Amino acid sequence: MWIYEKKLQFSVKVSKCIPRMARMLLEQYGGADGNSPRPLDT
């Protein structure tokens, strides 16, 4: 049996929101037309 802890390896500080960068990162994970079985909302 596995226990999954959602924990980052390094601490991350987000100072400002960059929508263009967020859109580019989502495209790398499959994009709007990707065939992911569930959305990346976690």
PDB file of N, CA and C in Angstrom:
ATOM      1  N   MET A   1       0.848  -1.179   0.000  1.00  0.00           N
ATOM      2  CA  MET A   1       0.000   0.000   0.000  1.00  0.00           C
ATOM      3  C   MET A   1       0.892   1.239   0.000  1.00  0.00           C
ATOM      4  N   TRP A   2       0.519   2.239  -0.798  1.00  0.00           N
ATOM      5  CA  TRP A   2       1.296   3.465  -0.925  1.00  0.00           C
ATOM      6  C   TRP A   2       0.547   4.636  -0.320  1.00  0.00           C
ATOM      7  N   ILE A   3       1.292   5.507   0.342  1.00  0.00           N
ATOM      8  CA  ILE A   3       0.736   6.756   0.855  1.00  0.00           C
ATOM      9  C   ILE A   3       1.411   7.884   0.097  1.00  0.00           C
ATOM     10  N   TYR A   4       0.627   8.726  -0.532  1.00  0.00           N
ATOM     11  CA  TYR A   4       1.163   9.816  -1.348  1.00  0.00           C
ATOM     12  C   TYR A   4       1.060  11.126  -0.589  1.00  0.00           C
ATOM     13  N   GLU A   5       2.188  11.773  -0.360  1.00  0.00           N
ATOM     14  CA  GLU A   5       2.201  13.097   0.249  1.00  0.00           C
ATOM     15  C   GLU A   5       2.481  14.122  -0.827  1.00  0.00           C
ATOM     16  N   LYS A   6       1.591  15.069  -0.976  1.00  0.00           N
ATOM     17  CA  LYS A   6       1.750  16.107  -1.996  1.00  0.00           C
ATOM     18  C   LYS A   6       2.677  17.179  -1.424  1.00  0.00           C
ATOM     19  N   LYS A   7       3.966  17.028  -1.698  1.00  0.00           N
ATOM     20  CA  LYS A   7       4.959  17.907  -1.104  1.00  0.00           C
ATOM     21  C   LYS A   7       6.017  18.254  -2.153  1.00  0.00           C
ATOM     22  N   LEU A   8       6.353  19.545  -2.264  1.00  0.00           N
ATOM     23  CA  LEU A   8       7.360  19.973  -3.221  1.00  0.00           C
ATOM     24  C   LEU A   8       8.759  19.666  -2.697  1.00  0.00           C
ATOM     25  N   GLN A   9       9.672  19.404  -3.605  1.00  0.00           N
ATOM     26  CA  GLN A   9      11.047  19.141  -3.224  1.00  0.00           C
ATOM     27  C   GLN A   9      11.721  20.428  -2.736  1.00  0.00           C
ATOM     28  N   PHE A  10      11.399  21.547  -3.367  1.00  0.00           N
ATOM     29  CA  PHE A  10      11.944  22.841  -2.988  1.00  0.00           C
ATOM     30  C   PHE A  10      10.796  23.795  -2.716  1.00  0.00           C
ATOM     31  N   SER A  11      11.007  24.743  -1.815  1.00  0.00           N
ATOM     32  CA  SER A  11       9.958  25.726  -1.559  1.00  0.00           C
ATOM     33  C   SER A  11       9.867  26.685  -2.747  1.00  0.00           C
ATOM     34  N   VAL A  12       8.651  27.125  -3.047  1.00  0.00           N
ATOM     35  CA  VAL A  12       8.403  27.992  -4.204  1.00  0.00           C
ATOM     36  C   VAL A  12       7.682  29.241  -3.733  1.00  0.00           C
ATOM     37  N   LYS A  13       8.181  30.391  -4.169  1.00  0.00           N
ATOM     38  CA  LYS A  13       7.521  31.654  -3.865  1.00  0.00           C
ATOM     39  C   LYS A  13       7.069  32.277  -5.177  1.00  0.00           C
ATOM     40  N   VAL A  14       5.776  32.519  -5.296  1.00  0.00           N
ATOM     41  CA  VAL A  14       5.215  33.127  -6.500  1.00  0.00           C
ATOM     42  C   VAL A  14       4.995  34.603  -6.193  1.00  0.00           C
ATOM     43  N   SER A  15       5.714  35.473  -6.911  1.00  0.00           N
ATOM     44  CA  SER A  15       5.616  36.905  -6.620  1.00  0.00           C
ATOM     45  C   SER A  15       4.573  37.597  -7.489  1.00  0.00           C
ATOM     46  N   LYS A  16       4.369  37.100  -8.722  1.00  0.00           N
ATOM     47  CA  LYS A  16       3.363  37.716  -9.581  1.00  0.00           C
ATOM     48  C   LYS A  16       2.792  36.674 -10.540  1.00  0.00           C
ATOM     49  N   CYS A  17       1.622  36.962 -11.046  1.00  0.00           N
ATOM     50  CA  CYS A  17       0.927  36.057 -11.955  1.00  0.00           C
ATOM     51  C   CYS A  17       1.296  36.398 -13.398  1.00  0.00           C
ATOM     52  N   ILE A  18       1.732  35.384 -14.160  1.00  0.00           N
ATOM     53  CA  ILE A  18       2.088  35.586 -15.567  1.00  0.00           C
ATOM     54  C   ILE A  18       1.222  34.638 -16.399  1.00  0.00           C
ATOM     55  N   PRO A  19       0.083  35.111 -16.900  1.00  0.00           N
ATOM     56  CA  PRO A  19      -0.837  34.248 -17.646  1.00  0.00           C
ATOM     57  C   PRO A  19      -0.201  33.598 -18.872  1.00  0.00           C
ATOM     58  N   ARG A  20       0.681  34.298 -19.563  1.00  0.00           N
ATOM     59  CA  ARG A  20       1.323  33.738 -20.758  1.00  0.00           C
ATOM     60  C   ARG A  20       2.175  32.519 -20.387  1.00  0.00           C
ATOM     61  N   MET A  21       2.901  32.614 -19.286  1.00  0.00           N
ATOM     62  CA  MET A  21       3.727  31.494 -18.828  1.00  0.00           C
ATOM     63  C   MET A  21       2.853  30.328 -18.372  1.00  0.00           C
ATOM     64  N   ALA A  22       1.754  30.619 -17.684  1.00  0.00           N
ATOM     65  CA  ALA A  22       0.840  29.566 -17.235  1.00  0.00           C
ATOM     66  C   ALA A  22       0.251  28.826 -18.433  1.00  0.00           C
ATOM     67  N   ARG A  23      -0.119  29.556 -19.470  1.00  0.00           N
ATOM     68  CA  ARG A  23      -0.676  28.933 -20.677  1.00  0.00           C
ATOM     69  C   ARG A  23       0.367  28.033 -21.339  1.00  0.00           C
ATOM     70  N   MET A  24       1.608  28.486 -21.375  1.00  0.00           N
ATOM     71  CA  MET A  24       2.676  27.698 -21.987  1.00  0.00           C
ATOM     72  C   MET A  24       2.930  26.405 -21.183  1.00  0.00           C
ATOM     73  N   LEU A  25       2.912  26.511 -19.862  1.00  0.00           N
ATOM     74  CA  LEU A  25       3.112  25.315 -19.038  1.00  0.00           C
ATOM     75  C   LEU A  25       1.980  24.311 -19.220  1.00  0.00           C
ATOM     76  N   LEU A  26       0.737  24.798 -19.305  1.00  0.00           N
ATOM     77  CA  LEU A  26      -0.385  23.888 -19.518  1.00  0.00           C
ATOM     78  C   LEU A  26      -0.288  23.184 -20.862  1.00  0.00           C
ATOM     79  N   GLU A  27       0.199  23.871 -21.875  1.00  0.00           N
ATOM     80  CA  GLU A  27       0.384  23.246 -23.187  1.00  0.00           C
ATOM     81  C   GLU A  27       1.390  22.105 -23.092  1.00  0.00           C
ATOM     82  N   GLN A  28       2.401  22.234 -22.260  1.00  0.00           N
ATOM     83  CA  GLN A  28       3.405  21.188 -22.103  1.00  0.00           C
ATOM     84  C   GLN A  28       2.809  19.949 -21.428  1.00  0.00           C
ATOM     85  N   TYR A  29       1.761  20.141 -20.640  1.00  0.00           N
ATOM     86  CA  TYR A  29       1.105  19.015 -19.964  1.00  0.00           C
ATOM     87  C   TYR A  29      -0.052  18.432 -20.774  1.00  0.00           C
ATOM     88  N   GLY A  30      -0.185  18.777 -22.011  1.00  0.00           N
ATOM     89  CA  GLY A  30      -1.225  18.190 -22.842  1.00  0.00           C
ATOM     90  C   GLY A  30      -2.128  19.206 -23.503  1.00  0.00           C
ATOM     91  N   GLY A  31      -2.176  20.408 -22.991  1.00  0.00           N
ATOM     92  CA  GLY A  31      -2.945  21.469 -23.613  1.00  0.00           C
ATOM     93  C   GLY A  31      -4.447  21.306 -23.473  1.00  0.00           C
ATOM     94  N   ALA A  32      -5.146  22.209 -24.118  1.00  0.00           N
ATOM     95  CA  ALA A  32      -6.608  22.216 -24.050  1.00  0.00           C
ATOM     96  C   ALA A  32      -7.199  21.007 -24.767  1.00  0.00           C
ATOM     97  N   ASP A  33      -6.541  20.536 -25.816  1.00  0.00           N
ATOM     98  CA  ASP A  33      -7.056  19.408 -26.590  1.00  0.00           C
ATOM     99  C   ASP A  33      -6.341  18.104 -26.262  1.00  0.00           C
ATOM    100  N   GLY A  34      -5.696  18.049 -25.109  1.00  0.00           N
ATOM    101  CA  GLY A  34      -4.973  16.836 -24.715  1.00  0.00           C
ATOM    102  C   GLY A  34      -5.924  15.702 -24.378  1.00  0.00           C
ATOM    103  N   ASN A  35      -5.398  14.506 -24.264  1.00  0.00           N
ATOM    104  CA  ASN A  35      -6.239  13.350 -23.968  1.00  0.00           C
ATOM    105  C   ASN A  35      -6.064  12.889 -22.526  1.00  0.00           C
ATOM    106  N   SER A  36      -5.837  13.845 -21.629  1.00  0.00           N
ATOM    107  CA  SER A  36      -5.721  13.523 -20.209  1.00  0.00           C
ATOM    108  C   SER A  36      -7.085  13.066 -19.694  1.00  0.00           C
ATOM    109  N   PRO A  37      -7.130  11.999 -18.896  1.00  0.00           N
ATOM    110  CA  PRO A  37      -8.420  11.510 -18.415  1.00  0.00           C
ATOM    111  C   PRO A  37      -9.087  12.447 -17.412  1.00  0.00           C
ATOM    112  N   ARG A  38      -8.315  13.317 -16.768  1.00  0.00           N
ATOM    113  CA  ARG A  38      -8.913  14.285 -15.848  1.00  0.00           C
ATOM    114  C   ARG A  38      -8.124  15.580 -15.914  1.00  0.00           C
ATOM    115  N   PRO A  39      -8.749  16.696 -15.582  1.00  0.00           N
ATOM    116  CA  PRO A  39      -8.039  17.984 -15.646  1.00  0.00           C
ATOM    117  C   PRO A  39      -6.978  18.105 -14.563  1.00  0.00           C
ATOM    118  N   LEU A  40      -6.007  18.979 -14.793  1.00  0.00           N
ATOM    119  CA  LEU A  40      -4.935  19.205 -13.823  1.00  0.00           C
ATOM    120  C   LEU A  40      -5.346  20.309 -12.870  1.00  0.00           C
ATOM    121  N   ASP A  41      -6.265  20.017 -11.961  1.00  0.00           N
ATOM    122  CA  ASP A  41      -6.737  21.042 -11.048  1.00  0.00           C
ATOM    123  C   ASP A  41      -6.197  20.839  -9.636  1.00  0.00           C
ATOM    124  N   THR A  42      -5.235  19.964  -9.476  1.00  0.00           N
ATOM    125  CA  THR A  42      -4.710  19.723  -8.134  1.00  0.00           C
ATOM    126  C   THR A  42      -3.435  20.464  -7.904  1.00  0.00           C
TER     127      THR A  42
END
